[in-house]
């Protein structure tokens, strides 16, 4: 099993970019992890719906060969860390090879991504920037992997 996280645009805040890279490296010890940065569309080039649709096309195209697409959305399942570890174990037992995590840009995800996703995942009922969500997702995936491995990071 491997993880591919699709980001729209670069992580602009240096401290968040460093945290994203740090946790991707940590996570890579348990599960091969790839970060893919797609070129985010900007509001200057069209209305919000058009931008979200174009971003959606890029996300769906980049994840078309994946067996499982997980979209981050506030309406999604909100597992605790142990439940996320159980979900990951289930995917591993099913023999899933590539799990794609789709994170929207500053405008969020287009409904077409939500419809195509195999699982909607919410990180919290709180609202985070899309850049913060990258870090939080990676940290939670890392935490879930340490739980699965019996490490004491979670304790």
Protein backbone atom coordinates (compact mmCIF):
# COMPACT_ATOMS: atom_id res chain seq x y z
CA UNK A 1 0.00 0.00 0.00
CA UNK A 2 1.18 3.52 -0.75
CA UNK A 3 -0.25 6.99 -0.22
CA UNK A 4 -0.35 9.78 -2.77
CA UNK A 5 -1.48 13.17 -1.48
CA UNK A 6 -2.63 15.61 -4.15
CA UNK A 7 -2.26 19.29 -3.29
CA UNK A 8 -3.54 22.23 -5.32
CA UNK A 9 -0.77 24.79 -5.25
CA UNK A 10 2.38 25.01 -3.17
CA UNK A 11 2.31 25.33 0.60
CA UNK A 12 3.14 29.03 0.92
CA UNK A 13 3.79 29.29 4.65
CA UNK A 14 7.36 28.07 5.22
CA UNK A 15 6.66 26.64 8.67
CA UNK A 16 3.73 24.60 7.31
CA UNK A 17 5.73 23.49 4.29
CA UNK A 18 8.48 22.25 6.62
CA UNK A 19 5.93 20.44 8.80
CA UNK A 20 4.35 18.83 5.72
CA UNK A 21 7.73 17.62 4.50
CA UNK A 22 8.74 16.42 7.98
CA UNK A 23 5.60 14.33 8.47
CA UNK A 24 5.71 13.00 4.91
CA UNK A 25 9.24 11.78 5.64
CA UNK A 26 8.12 10.22 8.93
CA UNK A 27 5.10 8.58 7.30
CA UNK A 28 7.31 7.23 4.52
CA UNK A 29 8.98 4.94 7.10
CA UNK A 30 5.67 3.06 7.36
CA UNK A 31 3.99 3.59 3.99
CA UNK A 32 5.56 4.88 0.78
CA UNK A 33 4.20 8.42 0.55
CA UNK A 34 4.23 10.78 -2.39
CA UNK A 35 3.27 14.45 -2.34
CA UNK A 36 2.05 15.81 -5.68
CA UNK A 37 1.58 19.55 -6.16
CA UNK A 38 -0.81 20.47 -8.95
CA UNK A 39 -1.03 23.99 -10.34
CA UNK A 40 -3.92 25.71 -8.57
CA UNK A 41 -6.19 27.96 -10.62
CA UNK A 42 -6.55 31.57 -9.49
CA UNK A 43 -9.63 33.73 -9.09
CA UNK A 44 -8.29 36.26 -11.61
CA UNK A 45 -8.86 33.75 -14.41
CA UNK A 46 -12.53 32.98 -13.87
CA UNK A 47 -15.44 32.69 -11.50
CA UNK A 48 -15.20 30.43 -8.43
CA UNK A 49 -17.30 27.61 -9.90
CA UNK A 50 -15.16 27.49 -13.05
CA UNK A 51 -11.97 27.45 -10.98
CA UNK A 52 -13.25 24.67 -8.72
CA UNK A 53 -14.33 22.64 -11.76
CA UNK A 54 -10.91 23.00 -13.41
CA UNK A 55 -9.17 22.09 -10.15
CA UNK A 56 -11.47 19.06 -9.89
CA UNK A 57 -10.52 17.94 -13.39
CA UNK A 58 -6.84 18.03 -12.41
CA UNK A 59 -7.43 16.14 -9.15
CA UNK A 60 -9.53 13.46 -10.81
CA UNK A 61 -7.12 13.06 -13.72
CA UNK A 62 -4.12 12.77 -11.37
CA UNK A 63 -5.88 10.09 -9.31
CA UNK A 64 -7.53 8.12 -12.09
CA UNK A 65 -5.30 5.04 -11.65
CA UNK A 66 -5.95 4.80 -7.91
CA UNK A 67 -8.05 2.08 -6.39
CA UNK A 68 -9.26 4.39 -3.65
CA UNK A 69 -9.86 8.14 -3.57
CA UNK A 70 -10.27 9.82 -0.20
CA UNK A 71 -11.54 13.40 -0.39
CA UNK A 72 -11.22 15.76 2.55
CA UNK A 73 -14.60 17.35 3.12
CA UNK A 74 -16.42 18.71 6.20
CA UNK A 75 -19.34 16.33 5.47
CA UNK A 76 -17.06 13.31 5.68
CA UNK A 77 -16.50 10.60 8.23
CA UNK A 78 -14.70 11.92 11.30
CA UNK A 79 -12.79 9.00 12.84
CA UNK A 80 -10.60 9.29 15.89
CA UNK A 81 -6.96 8.22 15.56
CA UNK A 82 -7.58 4.58 16.55
CA UNK A 83 -10.46 4.32 14.07
CA UNK A 84 -8.25 5.76 11.33
CA UNK A 85 -5.63 3.11 12.15
CA UNK A 86 -8.35 0.45 11.78
CA UNK A 87 -9.42 1.94 8.43
CA UNK A 88 -5.80 1.82 7.20
CA UNK A 89 -5.47 -1.79 8.37
CA UNK A 90 -8.61 -2.68 6.44
CA UNK A 91 -7.24 -1.12 3.28
CA UNK A 92 -4.01 -3.03 3.76
CA UNK A 93 -5.89 -6.32 4.25
CA UNK A 94 -7.89 -5.64 1.09
CA UNK A 95 -4.59 -5.36 -0.78
CA UNK A 96 -5.22 -1.82 -1.97
CA UNK A 97 -2.08 -0.54 -3.66
CA UNK A 98 -2.51 3.22 -4.00
CA UNK A 99 -4.66 5.43 -1.82
CA UNK A 100 -5.14 8.97 -3.14
CA UNK A 101 -5.95 11.75 -0.70
CA UNK A 102 -7.57 14.72 -2.43
CA UNK A 103 -7.39 18.11 -0.74
CA UNK A 104 -9.10 21.08 -2.32
CA UNK A 105 -7.59 24.50 -2.81
CA UNK A 106 -8.62 27.74 -1.16
CA UNK A 107 -12.13 27.40 -2.61
CA UNK A 108 -12.64 23.81 -1.47
CA UNK A 109 -13.53 20.79 -3.60
CA UNK A 110 -15.92 20.80 -6.53
CA UNK A 111 -18.95 18.54 -6.14
CA UNK A 112 -17.63 16.26 -8.92
CA UNK A 113 -14.70 15.28 -6.69
CA UNK A 114 -17.07 14.57 -3.81
CA UNK A 115 -19.16 12.35 -6.10
CA UNK A 116 -16.12 10.44 -7.42
CA UNK A 117 -14.54 9.90 -3.99
CA UNK A 118 -14.70 6.46 -2.42
CA UNK A 119 -14.54 7.98 1.06
CA UNK A 120 -15.15 11.45 2.44
CA UNK A 121 -12.93 12.22 5.40
CA UNK A 122 -13.26 15.18 7.76
CA UNK A 123 -10.35 16.16 9.96
CA UNK A 124 -12.50 18.12 12.39
CA UNK A 125 -15.69 20.09 12.76
CA UNK A 126 -13.40 23.11 12.97
CA UNK A 127 -12.36 24.89 9.79
CA UNK A 128 -8.69 24.85 8.73
CA UNK A 129 -6.97 26.38 5.75
CA UNK A 130 -6.23 23.95 2.95
CA UNK A 131 -2.53 24.33 3.74
CA UNK A 132 -3.05 23.47 7.41
CA UNK A 133 -5.17 20.49 6.39
CA UNK A 134 -2.18 19.06 4.53
CA UNK A 135 -0.10 19.00 7.68
CA UNK A 136 -2.94 17.73 9.89
CA UNK A 137 -3.75 14.90 7.48
CA UNK A 138 -0.11 13.80 7.29
CA UNK A 139 0.26 13.92 11.07
CA UNK A 140 -2.91 11.86 11.53
CA UNK A 141 -1.82 9.29 8.94
CA UNK A 142 1.53 9.05 10.69
CA UNK A 143 -0.19 8.69 14.07
CA UNK A 144 -2.46 5.95 12.68
CA UNK A 145 0.55 4.08 11.32
CA UNK A 146 2.34 4.28 14.66
CA UNK A 147 -0.78 2.93 16.37
CA UNK A 148 -0.86 0.02 13.90
CA UNK A 149 2.84 -0.64 14.55
CA UNK A 150 2.43 -0.51 18.34
CA UNK A 151 4.74 2.50 18.78
CA UNK A 152 4.22 4.85 21.71
CA UNK A 153 3.89 8.08 19.66
CA UNK A 154 0.13 8.11 20.26
CA UNK A 155 0.36 7.68 24.04
